[in-house]
Amino acid sequence: MLPTLQLSFRNVLLLNIAATPGLGTFLIGRRFMGALQMSAAYAGAIWVILWLVGWMWNQIHLALLGLPSSISPPPSILPASGWAGLLLFGAAWLSSLGSALAYRSRAQTQQAEA
């Protein structure tokens, strides 16, 4: 079992927002939510990268041969998949921001009670 770390709000916020969405959440003990946020962020990032590679493949093929590639998806699918990946990553990022803010609120409540 992994130990729960006592991190400051600033560290949780930086881990969640600047490093990896969900990492700070995972390290403060909210394992399921942190893993879910990280998985969504990674899936969204991979989706955007695959969209970018497909788009670049199409552009290179068009530039070299003057016709669309036979192995790349139709151009109408590419923008939709890129936006879907971006939305998935954005949702994970916003969720991790919410987790960090909830951690701050919980820490302030505990501090006030003490």
PDB file of N, CA and C in Angstrom:
ATOM      1  N   MET A   1       0.832  -1.170   0.000  1.00  0.00           N
ATOM      2  CA  MET A   1       0.000   0.000   0.000  1.00  0.00           C
ATOM      3  C   MET A   1       0.886   1.245   0.000  1.00  0.00           C
ATOM      4  N   LEU A   2       0.564   2.170  -0.828  1.00  0.00           N
ATOM      5  CA  LEU A   2       1.337   3.403  -0.918  1.00  0.00           C
ATOM      6  C   LEU A   2       0.966   4.350   0.218  1.00  0.00           C
ATOM      7  N   PRO A   3       1.967   5.022   0.797  1.00  0.00           N
ATOM      8  CA  PRO A   3       1.648   5.967   1.869  1.00  0.00           C
ATOM      9  C   PRO A   3       1.009   7.235   1.306  1.00  0.00           C
ATOM     10  N   THR A   4       0.185   7.876   2.110  1.00  0.00           N
ATOM     11  CA  THR A   4      -0.410   9.153   1.745  1.00  0.00           C
ATOM     12  C   THR A   4       0.551  10.258   2.151  1.00  0.00           C
ATOM     13  N   LEU A   5       0.865  11.142   1.245  1.00  0.00           N
ATOM     14  CA  LEU A   5       1.795  12.222   1.529  1.00  0.00           C
ATOM     15  C   LEU A   5       1.062  13.443   2.060  1.00  0.00           C
ATOM     16  N   GLN A   6       1.713  14.185   2.937  1.00  0.00           N
ATOM     17  CA  GLN A   6       1.185  15.449   3.425  1.00  0.00           C
ATOM     18  C   GLN A   6       1.813  16.565   2.588  1.00  0.00           C
ATOM     19  N   LEU A   7       1.113  16.992   1.575  1.00  0.00           N
ATOM     20  CA  LEU A   7       1.619  18.023   0.673  1.00  0.00           C
ATOM     21  C   LEU A   7       0.896  19.334   0.926  1.00  0.00           C
ATOM     22  N   SER A   8       1.584  20.422   0.672  1.00  0.00           N
ATOM     23  CA  SER A   8       0.935  21.732   0.790  1.00  0.00           C
ATOM     24  C   SER A   8       0.003  21.928  -0.408  1.00  0.00           C
ATOM     25  N   PHE A   9      -0.916  22.871  -0.253  1.00  0.00           N
ATOM     26  CA  PHE A   9      -1.842  23.171  -1.350  1.00  0.00           C
ATOM     27  C   PHE A   9      -1.078  23.580  -2.608  1.00  0.00           C
ATOM     28  N   ARG A  10      -0.031  24.374  -2.435  1.00  0.00           N
ATOM     29  CA  ARG A  10       0.758  24.839  -3.577  1.00  0.00           C
ATOM     30  C   ARG A  10       1.359  23.656  -4.341  1.00  0.00           C
ATOM     31  N   ASN A  11       1.882  22.677  -3.605  1.00  0.00           N
ATOM     32  CA  ASN A  11       2.476  21.512  -4.269  1.00  0.00           C
ATOM     33  C   ASN A  11       1.434  20.666  -4.992  1.00  0.00           C
ATOM     34  N   VAL A  12       0.288  20.479  -4.353  1.00  0.00           N
ATOM     35  CA  VAL A  12      -0.788  19.716  -4.997  1.00  0.00           C
ATOM     36  C   VAL A  12      -1.253  20.432  -6.254  1.00  0.00           C
ATOM     37  N   LEU A  13      -1.424  21.754  -6.152  1.00  0.00           N
ATOM     38  CA  LEU A  13      -1.861  22.536  -7.309  1.00  0.00           C
ATOM     39  C   LEU A  13      -0.843  22.456  -8.443  1.00  0.00           C
ATOM     40  N   LEU A  14       0.438  22.615  -8.126  1.00  0.00           N
ATOM     41  CA  LEU A  14       1.477  22.546  -9.160  1.00  0.00           C
ATOM     42  C   LEU A  14       1.557  21.165  -9.798  1.00  0.00           C
ATOM     43  N   LEU A  15       1.452  20.118  -8.989  1.00  0.00           N
ATOM     44  CA  LEU A  15       1.480  18.766  -9.552  1.00  0.00           C
ATOM     45  C   LEU A  15       0.279  18.527 -10.467  1.00  0.00           C
ATOM     46  N   ASN A  16      -0.898  18.972 -10.033  1.00  0.00           N
ATOM     47  CA  ASN A  16      -2.108  18.739 -10.813  1.00  0.00           C
ATOM     48  C   ASN A  16      -2.181  19.597 -12.070  1.00  0.00           C
ATOM     49  N   ILE A  17      -1.731  20.824 -11.996  1.00  0.00           N
ATOM     50  CA  ILE A  17      -1.904  21.748 -13.111  1.00  0.00           C
ATOM     51  C   ILE A  17      -0.702  21.770 -14.043  1.00  0.00           C
ATOM     52  N   ALA A  18       0.500  21.791 -13.481  1.00  0.00           N
ATOM     53  CA  ALA A  18       1.685  21.964 -14.314  1.00  0.00           C
ATOM     54  C   ALA A  18       2.374  20.656 -14.681  1.00  0.00           C
ATOM     55  N   ALA A  19       2.300  19.647 -13.845  1.00  0.00           N
ATOM     56  CA  ALA A  19       3.016  18.404 -14.140  1.00  0.00           C
ATOM     57  C   ALA A  19       2.109  17.410 -14.865  1.00  0.00           C
ATOM     58  N   THR A  20       1.262  16.748 -14.125  1.00  0.00           N
ATOM     59  CA  THR A  20       0.355  15.753 -14.688  1.00  0.00           C
ATOM     60  C   THR A  20      -0.990  15.888 -14.000  1.00  0.00           C
ATOM     61  N   PRO A  21      -2.049  16.145 -14.751  1.00  0.00           N
ATOM     62  CA  PRO A  21      -3.363  16.212 -14.109  1.00  0.00           C
ATOM     63  C   PRO A  21      -3.664  14.914 -13.358  1.00  0.00           C
ATOM     64  N   GLY A  22      -3.949  15.042 -12.081  1.00  0.00           N
ATOM     65  CA  GLY A  22      -4.286  13.885 -11.261  1.00  0.00           C
ATOM     66  C   GLY A  22      -3.156  13.374 -10.386  1.00  0.00           C
ATOM     67  N   LEU A  23      -1.921  13.770 -10.649  1.00  0.00           N
ATOM     68  CA  LEU A  23      -0.796  13.262  -9.864  1.00  0.00           C
ATOM     69  C   LEU A  23      -0.859  13.759  -8.422  1.00  0.00           C
ATOM     70  N   GLY A  24      -1.130  15.027  -8.236  1.00  0.00           N
ATOM     71  CA  GLY A  24      -1.264  15.562  -6.876  1.00  0.00           C
ATOM     72  C   GLY A  24      -2.424  14.929  -6.138  1.00  0.00           C
ATOM     73  N   THR A  25      -3.526  14.735  -6.831  1.00  0.00           N
ATOM     74  CA  THR A  25      -4.698  14.096  -6.237  1.00  0.00           C
ATOM     75  C   THR A  25      -4.359  12.677  -5.787  1.00  0.00           C
ATOM     76  N   PHE A  26      -3.626  11.963  -6.614  1.00  0.00           N
ATOM     77  CA  PHE A  26      -3.222  10.593  -6.299  1.00  0.00           C
ATOM     78  C   PHE A  26      -2.320  10.567  -5.070  1.00  0.00           C
ATOM     79  N   LEU A  27      -1.375  11.499  -5.002  1.00  0.00           N
ATOM     80  CA  LEU A  27      -0.394  11.484  -3.911  1.00  0.00           C
ATOM     81  C   LEU A  27      -0.976  11.888  -2.563  1.00  0.00           C
ATOM     82  N   ILE A  28      -2.088  12.644  -2.548  1.00  0.00           N
ATOM     83  CA  ILE A  28      -2.683  13.022  -1.255  1.00  0.00           C
ATOM     84  C   ILE A  28      -3.665  11.973  -0.741  1.00  0.00           C
ATOM     85  N   GLY A  29      -3.793  10.863  -1.456  1.00  0.00           N
ATOM     86  CA  GLY A  29      -4.599   9.763  -0.947  1.00  0.00           C
ATOM     87  C   GLY A  29      -5.890   9.497  -1.683  1.00  0.00           C
ATOM     88  N   ARG A  30      -6.272  10.357  -2.599  1.00  0.00           N
ATOM     89  CA  ARG A  30      -7.485  10.107  -3.381  1.00  0.00           C
ATOM     90  C   ARG A  30      -7.080   9.305  -4.615  1.00  0.00           C
ATOM     91  N   ARG A  31      -6.748   8.051  -4.385  1.00  0.00           N
ATOM     92  CA  ARG A  31      -6.136   7.191  -5.405  1.00  0.00           C
ATOM     93  C   ARG A  31      -7.027   6.992  -6.639  1.00  0.00           C
ATOM     94  N   PHE A  32      -8.282   6.651  -6.422  1.00  0.00           N
ATOM     95  CA  PHE A  32      -9.154   6.361  -7.564  1.00  0.00           C
ATOM     96  C   PHE A  32      -9.347   7.595  -8.434  1.00  0.00           C
ATOM     97  N   MET A  33      -9.656   8.729  -7.793  1.00  0.00           N
ATOM     98  CA  MET A  33      -9.884   9.960  -8.552  1.00  0.00           C
ATOM     99  C   MET A  33      -8.606  10.395  -9.263  1.00  0.00           C
ATOM    100  N   GLY A  34      -7.473  10.293  -8.595  1.00  0.00           N
ATOM    101  CA  GLY A  34      -6.197  10.657  -9.211  1.00  0.00           C
ATOM    102  C   GLY A  34      -5.867   9.767 -10.403  1.00  0.00           C
ATOM    103  N   ALA A  35      -6.089   8.469 -10.254  1.00  0.00           N
ATOM    104  CA  ALA A  35      -5.826   7.545 -11.358  1.00  0.00           C
ATOM    105  C   ALA A  35      -6.770   7.814 -12.530  1.00  0.00           C
ATOM    106  N   LEU A  36      -8.015   8.128 -12.218  1.00  0.00           N
ATOM    107  CA  LEU A  36      -8.983   8.446 -13.265  1.00  0.00           C
ATOM    108  C   LEU A  36      -8.576   9.720 -14.009  1.00  0.00           C
ATOM    109  N   GLN A  37      -8.156  10.742 -13.269  1.00  0.00           N
ATOM    110  CA  GLN A  37      -7.723  11.989 -13.897  1.00  0.00           C
ATOM    111  C   GLN A  37      -6.480  11.775 -14.763  1.00  0.00           C
ATOM    112  N   MET A  38      -5.518  11.021 -14.239  1.00  0.00           N
ATOM    113  CA  MET A  38      -4.309  10.754 -15.022  1.00  0.00           C
ATOM    114  C   MET A  38      -4.624   9.945 -16.273  1.00  0.00           C
ATOM    115  N   SER A  39      -5.484   8.963 -16.150  1.00  0.00           N
ATOM    116  CA  SER A  39      -5.845   8.137 -17.313  1.00  0.00           C
ATOM    117  C   SER A  39      -6.528   8.971 -18.387  1.00  0.00           C
ATOM    118  N   ALA A  40      -7.449   9.827 -17.977  1.00  0.00           N
ATOM    119  CA  ALA A  40      -8.145  10.687 -18.946  1.00  0.00           C
ATOM    120  C   ALA A  40      -7.169  11.649 -19.607  1.00  0.00           C
ATOM    121  N   ALA A  41      -6.248  12.207 -18.825  1.00  0.00           N
ATOM    122  CA  ALA A  41      -5.267  13.144 -19.385  1.00  0.00           C
ATOM    123  C   ALA A  41      -4.358  12.435 -20.381  1.00  0.00           C
ATOM    124  N   TYR A  42      -3.867  11.254 -20.021  1.00  0.00           N
ATOM    125  CA  TYR A  42      -2.996  10.511 -20.940  1.00  0.00           C
ATOM    126  C   TYR A  42      -3.740  10.096 -22.199  1.00  0.00           C
ATOM    127  N   ALA A  43      -4.967   9.615 -22.039  1.00  0.00           N
ATOM    128  CA  ALA A  43      -5.750   9.210 -23.211  1.00  0.00           C
ATOM    129  C   ALA A  43      -6.005  10.395 -24.133  1.00  0.00           C
ATOM    130  N   GLY A  44      -6.363  11.535 -23.552  1.00  0.00           N
ATOM    131  CA  GLY A  44      -6.597  12.732 -24.356  1.00  0.00           C
ATOM    132  C   GLY A  44      -5.336  13.180 -25.073  1.00  0.00           C
ATOM    133  N   ALA A  45      -4.202  13.168 -24.370  1.00  0.00           N
ATOM    134  CA  ALA A  45      -2.944  13.576 -24.990  1.00  0.00           C
ATOM    135  C   ALA A  45      -2.552  12.631 -26.129  1.00  0.00           C
ATOM    136  N   ILE A  46      -2.720  11.343 -25.909  1.00  0.00           N
ATOM    137  CA  ILE A  46      -2.388  10.375 -26.965  1.00  0.00           C
ATOM    138  C   ILE A  46      -3.312  10.570 -28.158  1.00  0.00           C
ATOM    139  N   TRP A  47      -4.581  10.828 -27.904  1.00  0.00           N
ATOM    140  CA  TRP A  47      -5.542  11.055 -28.979  1.00  0.00           C
ATOM    141  C   TRP A  47      -5.158  12.270 -29.826  1.00  0.00           C
ATOM    142  N   VAL A  48      -4.745  13.349 -29.160  1.00  0.00           N
ATOM    143  CA  VAL A  48      -4.325  14.551 -29.872  1.00  0.00           C
ATOM    144  C   VAL A  48      -3.053  14.273 -30.675  1.00  0.00           C
ATOM    145  N   ILE A  49      -2.116  13.534 -30.095  1.00  0.00           N
ATOM    146  CA  ILE A  49      -0.877  13.203 -30.812  1.00  0.00           C
ATOM    147  C   ILE A  49      -1.180  12.346 -32.034  1.00  0.00           C
ATOM    148  N   LEU A  50      -2.061  11.352 -31.888  1.00  0.00           N
ATOM    149  CA  LEU A  50      -2.433  10.522 -33.043  1.00  0.00           C
ATOM    150  C   LEU A  50      -3.112  11.353 -34.125  1.00  0.00           C
ATOM    151  N   TRP A  51      -3.965  12.295 -33.711  1.00  0.00           N
ATOM    152  CA  TRP A  51      -4.601  13.184 -34.677  1.00  0.00           C
ATOM    153  C   TRP A  51      -3.547  14.007 -35.410  1.00  0.00           C
ATOM    154  N   LEU A  52      -2.586  14.529 -34.671  1.00  0.00           N
ATOM    155  CA  LEU A  52      -1.541  15.351 -35.271  1.00  0.00           C
ATOM    156  C   LEU A  52      -0.692  14.537 -36.244  1.00  0.00           C
ATOM    157  N   VAL A  53      -0.340  13.322 -35.880  1.00  0.00           N
ATOM    158  CA  VAL A  53       0.439  12.459 -36.772  1.00  0.00           C
ATOM    159  C   VAL A  53      -0.363  12.146 -38.032  1.00  0.00           C
ATOM    160  N   GLY A  54      -1.651  11.848 -37.893  1.00  0.00           N
ATOM    161  CA  GLY A  54      -2.488  11.582 -39.069  1.00  0.00           C
ATOM    162  C   GLY A  54      -2.608  12.791 -39.975  1.00  0.00           C
ATOM    163  N   TRP A  55      -2.763  13.950 -39.369  1.00  0.00           N
ATOM    164  CA  TRP A  55      -2.850  15.181 -40.156  1.00  0.00           C
ATOM    165  C   TRP A  55      -1.550  15.450 -40.882  1.00  0.00           C
ATOM    166  N   MET A  56      -0.422  15.286 -40.165  1.00  0.00           N
ATOM    167  CA  MET A  56       0.886  15.512 -40.803  1.00  0.00           C
ATOM    168  C   MET A  56       1.124  14.503 -41.926  1.00  0.00           C
ATOM    169  N   TRP A  57       0.742  13.243 -41.704  1.00  0.00           N
ATOM    170  CA  TRP A  57       0.894  12.208 -42.734  1.00  0.00           C
ATOM    171  C   TRP A  57       0.128  12.608 -43.992  1.00  0.00           C
ATOM    172  N   ASN A  58      -1.095  13.076 -43.796  1.00  0.00           N
ATOM    173  CA  ASN A  58      -1.906  13.515 -44.925  1.00  0.00           C
ATOM    174  C   ASN A  58      -1.255  14.687 -45.656  1.00  0.00           C
ATOM    175  N   GLN A  59      -0.746  15.664 -44.908  1.00  0.00           N
ATOM    176  CA  GLN A  59      -0.133  16.837 -45.522  1.00  0.00           C
ATOM    177  C   GLN A  59       1.135  16.479 -46.288  1.00  0.00           C
ATOM    178  N   ILE A  60       1.952  15.618 -45.711  1.00  0.00           N
ATOM    179  CA  ILE A  60       3.181  15.196 -46.396  1.00  0.00           C
ATOM    180  C   ILE A  60       2.837  14.413 -47.647  1.00  0.00           C
ATOM    181  N   HIS A  61       1.872  13.538 -47.544  1.00  0.00           N
ATOM    182  CA  HIS A  61       1.464  12.736 -48.704  1.00  0.00           C
ATOM    183  C   HIS A  61       0.901  13.627 -49.810  1.00  0.00           C
ATOM    184  N   LEU A  62       0.113  14.610 -49.434  1.00  0.00           N
ATOM    185  CA  LEU A  62      -0.426  15.553 -50.417  1.00  0.00           C
ATOM    186  C   LEU A  62       0.683  16.360 -51.079  1.00  0.00           C
ATOM    187  N   ALA A  63       1.665  16.781 -50.284  1.00  0.00           N
ATOM    188  CA  ALA A  63       2.748  17.596 -50.826  1.00  0.00           C
ATOM    189  C   ALA A  63       3.644  16.792 -51.765  1.00  0.00           C
ATOM    190  N   LEU A  64       3.903  15.544 -51.439  1.00  0.00           N
ATOM    191  CA  LEU A  64       4.824  14.742 -52.248  1.00  0.00           C
ATOM    192  C   LEU A  64       4.159  14.123 -53.475  1.00  0.00           C
ATOM    193  N   LEU A  65       2.943  13.625 -53.300  1.00  0.00           N
ATOM    194  CA  LEU A  65       2.292  12.905 -54.389  1.00  0.00           C
ATOM    195  C   LEU A  65       1.121  13.650 -55.012  1.00  0.00           C
ATOM    196  N   GLY A  66       0.644  14.645 -54.319  1.00  0.00           N
ATOM    197  CA  GLY A  66      -0.466  15.415 -54.853  1.00  0.00           C
ATOM    198  C   GLY A  66      -1.818  14.761 -54.679  1.00  0.00           C
ATOM    199  N   LEU A  67      -1.897  13.657 -53.934  1.00  0.00           N
ATOM    200  CA  LEU A  67      -3.184  13.017 -53.671  1.00  0.00           C
ATOM    201  C   LEU A  67      -3.229  12.510 -52.240  1.00  0.00           C
ATOM    202  N   PRO A  68      -4.435  12.346 -51.707  1.00  0.00           N
ATOM    203  CA  PRO A  68      -4.555  11.903 -50.314  1.00  0.00           C
ATOM    204  C   PRO A  68      -3.991  10.498 -50.114  1.00  0.00           C
ATOM    205  N   SER A  69      -3.527  10.250 -48.907  1.00  0.00           N
ATOM    206  CA  SER A  69      -2.986   8.945 -48.570  1.00  0.00           C
ATOM    207  C   SER A  69      -4.111   7.921 -48.473  1.00  0.00           C
ATOM    208  N   SER A  70      -3.830   6.698 -48.895  1.00  0.00           N
ATOM    209  CA  SER A  70      -4.853   5.649 -48.847  1.00  0.00           C
ATOM    210  C   SER A  70      -4.950   5.020 -47.461  1.00  0.00           C
ATOM    211  N   ILE A  71      -3.924   5.202 -46.607  1.00  0.00           N
ATOM    212  CA  ILE A  71      -3.971   4.560 -45.295  1.00  0.00           C
ATOM    213  C   ILE A  71      -4.435   5.498 -44.187  1.00  0.00           C
ATOM    214  N   SER A  72      -4.500   6.778 -44.455  1.00  0.00           N
ATOM    215  CA  SER A  72      -4.930   7.693 -43.398  1.00  0.00           C
ATOM    216  C   SER A  72      -6.454   7.799 -43.387  1.00  0.00           C
ATOM    217  N   PRO A  73      -7.024   8.160 -42.230  1.00  0.00           N
ATOM    218  CA  PRO A  73      -8.478   8.293 -42.157  1.00  0.00           C
ATOM    219  C   PRO A  73      -8.970   9.452 -43.011  1.00  0.00           C
ATOM    220  N   PRO A  74     -10.245   9.446 -43.335  1.00  0.00           N
ATOM    221  CA  PRO A  74     -10.783  10.556 -44.128  1.00  0.00           C
ATOM    222  C   PRO A  74     -10.575  11.888 -43.412  1.00  0.00           C
ATOM    223  N   PRO A  75     -10.321  12.954 -44.150  1.00  0.00           N
ATOM    224  CA  PRO A  75     -10.063  14.255 -43.519  1.00  0.00           C
ATOM    225  C   PRO A  75     -11.197  14.744 -42.625  1.00  0.00           C
ATOM    226  N   SER A  76     -12.426  14.314 -42.881  1.00  0.00           N
ATOM    227  CA  SER A  76     -13.535  14.776 -42.046  1.00  0.00           C
ATOM    228  C   SER A  76     -13.472  14.197 -40.637  1.00  0.00           C
ATOM    229  N   ILE A  77     -12.812  13.065 -40.439  1.00  0.00           N
ATOM    230  CA  ILE A  77     -12.697  12.446 -39.117  1.00  0.00           C
ATOM    231  C   ILE A  77     -11.586  13.104 -38.302  1.00  0.00           C
ATOM    232  N   LEU A  78     -10.548  13.564 -38.964  1.00  0.00           N
ATOM    233  CA  LEU A  78      -9.395  14.094 -38.244  1.00  0.00           C
ATOM    234  C   LEU A  78      -9.720  15.249 -37.314  1.00  0.00           C
ATOM    235  N   PRO A  79     -10.423  16.292 -37.750  1.00  0.00           N
ATOM    236  CA  PRO A  79     -10.693  17.381 -36.804  1.00  0.00           C
ATOM    237  C   PRO A  79     -11.526  16.942 -35.603  1.00  0.00           C
ATOM    238  N   ALA A  80     -12.498  16.075 -35.821  1.00  0.00           N
ATOM    239  CA  ALA A  80     -13.353  15.629 -34.719  1.00  0.00           C
ATOM    240  C   ALA A  80     -12.551  14.847 -33.682  1.00  0.00           C
ATOM    241  N   SER A  81     -11.649  13.983 -34.118  1.00  0.00           N
ATOM    242  CA  SER A  81     -10.871  13.208 -33.156  1.00  0.00           C
ATOM    243  C   SER A  81      -9.881  14.094 -32.411  1.00  0.00           C
ATOM    244  N   GLY A  82      -9.336  15.087 -33.078  1.00  0.00           N
ATOM    245  CA  GLY A  82      -8.438  16.018 -32.398  1.00  0.00           C
ATOM    246  C   GLY A  82      -9.152  16.808 -31.320  1.00  0.00           C
ATOM    247  N   TRP A  83     -10.355  17.284 -31.636  1.00  0.00           N
ATOM    248  CA  TRP A  83     -11.135  18.034 -30.646  1.00  0.00           C
ATOM    249  C   TRP A  83     -11.569  17.138 -29.494  1.00  0.00           C
ATOM    250  N   ALA A  84     -11.911  15.901 -29.790  1.00  0.00           N
ATOM    251  CA  ALA A  84     -12.328  14.979 -28.727  1.00  0.00           C
ATOM    252  C   ALA A  84     -11.178  14.730 -27.755  1.00  0.00           C
ATOM    253  N   GLY A  85      -9.975  14.532 -28.265  1.00  0.00           N
ATOM    254  CA  GLY A  85      -8.812  14.344 -27.401  1.00  0.00           C
ATOM    255  C   GLY A  85      -8.525  15.578 -26.573  1.00  0.00           C
ATOM    256  N   LEU A  86      -8.641  16.741 -27.196  1.00  0.00           N
ATOM    257  CA  LEU A  86      -8.413  17.990 -26.480  1.00  0.00           C
ATOM    258  C   LEU A  86      -9.455  18.192 -25.377  1.00  0.00           C
ATOM    259  N   LEU A  87     -10.701  17.866 -25.655  1.00  0.00           N
ATOM    260  CA  LEU A  87     -11.757  17.979 -24.642  1.00  0.00           C
ATOM    261  C   LEU A  87     -11.546  16.995 -23.492  1.00  0.00           C
ATOM    262  N   LEU A  88     -11.097  15.796 -23.809  1.00  0.00           N
ATOM    263  CA  LEU A  88     -10.837  14.799 -22.770  1.00  0.00           C
ATOM    264  C   LEU A  88      -9.699  15.264 -21.865  1.00  0.00           C
ATOM    265  N   PHE A  89      -8.618  15.776 -22.461  1.00  0.00           N
ATOM    266  CA  PHE A  89      -7.512  16.283 -21.659  1.00  0.00           C
ATOM    267  C   PHE A  89      -7.961  17.493 -20.832  1.00  0.00           C
ATOM    268  N   GLY A  90      -8.730  18.380 -21.437  1.00  0.00           N
ATOM    269  CA  GLY A  90      -9.218  19.559 -20.725  1.00  0.00           C
ATOM    270  C   GLY A  90     -10.113  19.185 -19.551  1.00  0.00           C
ATOM    271  N   ALA A  91     -10.951  18.180 -19.734  1.00  0.00           N
ATOM    272  CA  ALA A  91     -11.816  17.735 -18.639  1.00  0.00           C
ATOM    273  C   ALA A  91     -10.982  17.170 -17.485  1.00  0.00           C
ATOM    274  N   ALA A  92      -9.938  16.423 -17.803  1.00  0.00           N
ATOM    275  CA  ALA A  92      -9.060  15.883 -16.760  1.00  0.00           C
ATOM    276  C   ALA A  92      -8.336  17.015 -16.037  1.00  0.00           C
ATOM    277  N   TRP A  93      -7.904  18.007 -16.782  1.00  0.00           N
ATOM    278  CA  TRP A  93      -7.197  19.148 -16.200  1.00  0.00           C
ATOM    279  C   TRP A  93      -8.116  19.928 -15.260  1.00  0.00           C
ATOM    280  N   LEU A  94      -9.344  20.202 -15.707  1.00  0.00           N
ATOM    281  CA  LEU A  94     -10.297  20.929 -14.864  1.00  0.00           C
ATOM    282  C   LEU A  94     -10.680  20.120 -13.625  1.00  0.00           C
ATOM    283  N   SER A  95     -10.819  18.819 -13.781  1.00  0.00           N
ATOM    284  CA  SER A  95     -11.142  17.964 -12.643  1.00  0.00           C
ATOM    285  C   SER A  95     -10.003  17.974 -11.626  1.00  0.00           C
ATOM    286  N   SER A  96      -8.768  17.967 -12.093  1.00  0.00           N
ATOM    287  CA  SER A  96      -7.637  17.996 -11.170  1.00  0.00           C
ATOM    288  C   SER A  96      -7.530  19.357 -10.484  1.00  0.00           C
ATOM    289  N   LEU A  97      -7.904  20.420 -11.184  1.00  0.00           N
ATOM    290  CA  LEU A  97      -7.952  21.746 -10.546  1.00  0.00           C
ATOM    291  C   LEU A  97      -8.999  21.749  -9.437  1.00  0.00           C
ATOM    292  N   GLY A  98     -10.154  21.171  -9.721  1.00  0.00           N
ATOM    293  CA  GLY A  98     -11.196  21.066  -8.699  1.00  0.00           C
ATOM    294  C   GLY A  98     -10.758  20.249  -7.498  1.00  0.00           C
ATOM    295  N   SER A  99     -10.018  19.179  -7.736  1.00  0.00           N
ATOM    296  CA  SER A  99      -9.514  18.355  -6.633  1.00  0.00           C
ATOM    297  C   SER A  99      -8.531  19.138  -5.769  1.00  0.00           C
ATOM    298  N   ALA A 100      -7.677  19.921  -6.408  1.00  0.00           N
ATOM    299  CA  ALA A 100      -6.712  20.725  -5.653  1.00  0.00           C
ATOM    300  C   ALA A 100      -7.432  21.776  -4.810  1.00  0.00           C
ATOM    301  N   LEU A 101      -8.441  22.411  -5.379  1.00  0.00           N
ATOM    302  CA  LEU A 101      -9.195  23.418  -4.628  1.00  0.00           C
ATOM    303  C   LEU A 101      -9.980  22.781  -3.473  1.00  0.00           C
ATOM    304  N   ALA A 102     -10.500  21.582  -3.681  1.00  0.00           N
ATOM    305  CA  ALA A 102     -11.197  20.869  -2.610  1.00  0.00           C
ATOM    306  C   ALA A 102     -10.216  20.500  -1.496  1.00  0.00           C
ATOM    307  N   TYR A 103      -9.003  20.138  -1.858  1.00  0.00           N
ATOM    308  CA  TYR A 103      -7.973  19.826  -0.868  1.00  0.00           C
ATOM    309  C   TYR A 103      -7.655  21.056  -0.028  1.00  0.00           C
ATOM    310  N   ARG A 104      -7.578  22.214  -0.682  1.00  0.00           N
ATOM    311  CA  ARG A 104      -7.312  23.461   0.035  1.00  0.00           C
ATOM    312  C   ARG A 104      -8.444  23.767   1.018  1.00  0.00           C
ATOM    313  N   SER A 105      -9.674  23.617   0.551  1.00  0.00           N
ATOM    314  CA  SER A 105     -10.827  23.886   1.407  1.00  0.00           C
ATOM    315  C   SER A 105     -10.841  22.946   2.607  1.00  0.00           C
ATOM    316  N   ARG A 106     -10.565  21.674   2.374  1.00  0.00           N
ATOM    317  CA  ARG A 106     -10.542  20.686   3.455  1.00  0.00           C
ATOM    318  C   ARG A 106      -9.428  21.004   4.452  1.00  0.00           C
ATOM    319  N   ALA A 107      -8.258  21.416   3.943  1.00  0.00           N
ATOM    320  CA  ALA A 107      -7.132  21.749   4.824  1.00  0.00           C
ATOM    321  C   ALA A 107      -7.440  22.986   5.662  1.00  0.00           C
ATOM    322  N   GLN A 108      -8.105  23.978   5.082  1.00  0.00           N
ATOM    323  CA  GLN A 108      -8.459  25.180   5.824  1.00  0.00           C
ATOM    324  C   GLN A 108      -9.487  24.871   6.914  1.00  0.00           C
ATOM    325  N   THR A 109     -10.419  23.983   6.613  1.00  0.00           N
ATOM    326  CA  THR A 109     -11.436  23.587   7.606  1.00  0.00           C
ATOM    327  C   THR A 109     -10.783  22.862   8.760  1.00  0.00           C
ATOM    328  N   GLN A 110      -9.852  21.958   8.478  1.00  0.00           N
ATOM    329  CA  GLN A 110      -9.164  21.228   9.523  1.00  0.00           C
ATOM    330  C   GLN A 110      -8.300  22.155  10.362  1.00  0.00           C
ATOM    331  N   GLN A 111      -7.702  23.153   9.725  1.00  0.00           N
ATOM    332  CA  GLN A 111      -6.862  24.099  10.433  1.00  0.00           C
ATOM    333  C   GLN A 111      -7.704  24.972  11.369  1.00  0.00           C
ATOM    334  N   ALA A 112      -8.887  25.353  10.909  1.00  0.00           N
ATOM    335  CA  ALA A 112      -9.771  26.197  11.720  1.00  0.00           C
ATOM    336  C   ALA A 112     -10.287  25.435  12.943  1.00  0.00           C
ATOM    337  N   GLU A 113     -10.512  24.122  12.784  1.00  0.00           N
ATOM    338  CA  GLU A 113     -11.009  23.300  13.881  1.00  0.00           C
ATOM    339  C   GLU A 113      -9.928  23.070  14.933  1.00  0.00           C
ATOM    340  N   ALA A 114      -8.674  23.103  14.525  1.00  0.00           N
ATOM    341  CA  ALA A 114      -7.576  22.801  15.464  1.00  0.00           C
ATOM    342  C   ALA A 114      -7.212  23.963  16.348  1.00  0.00           C
TER     343      ALA A 114
END
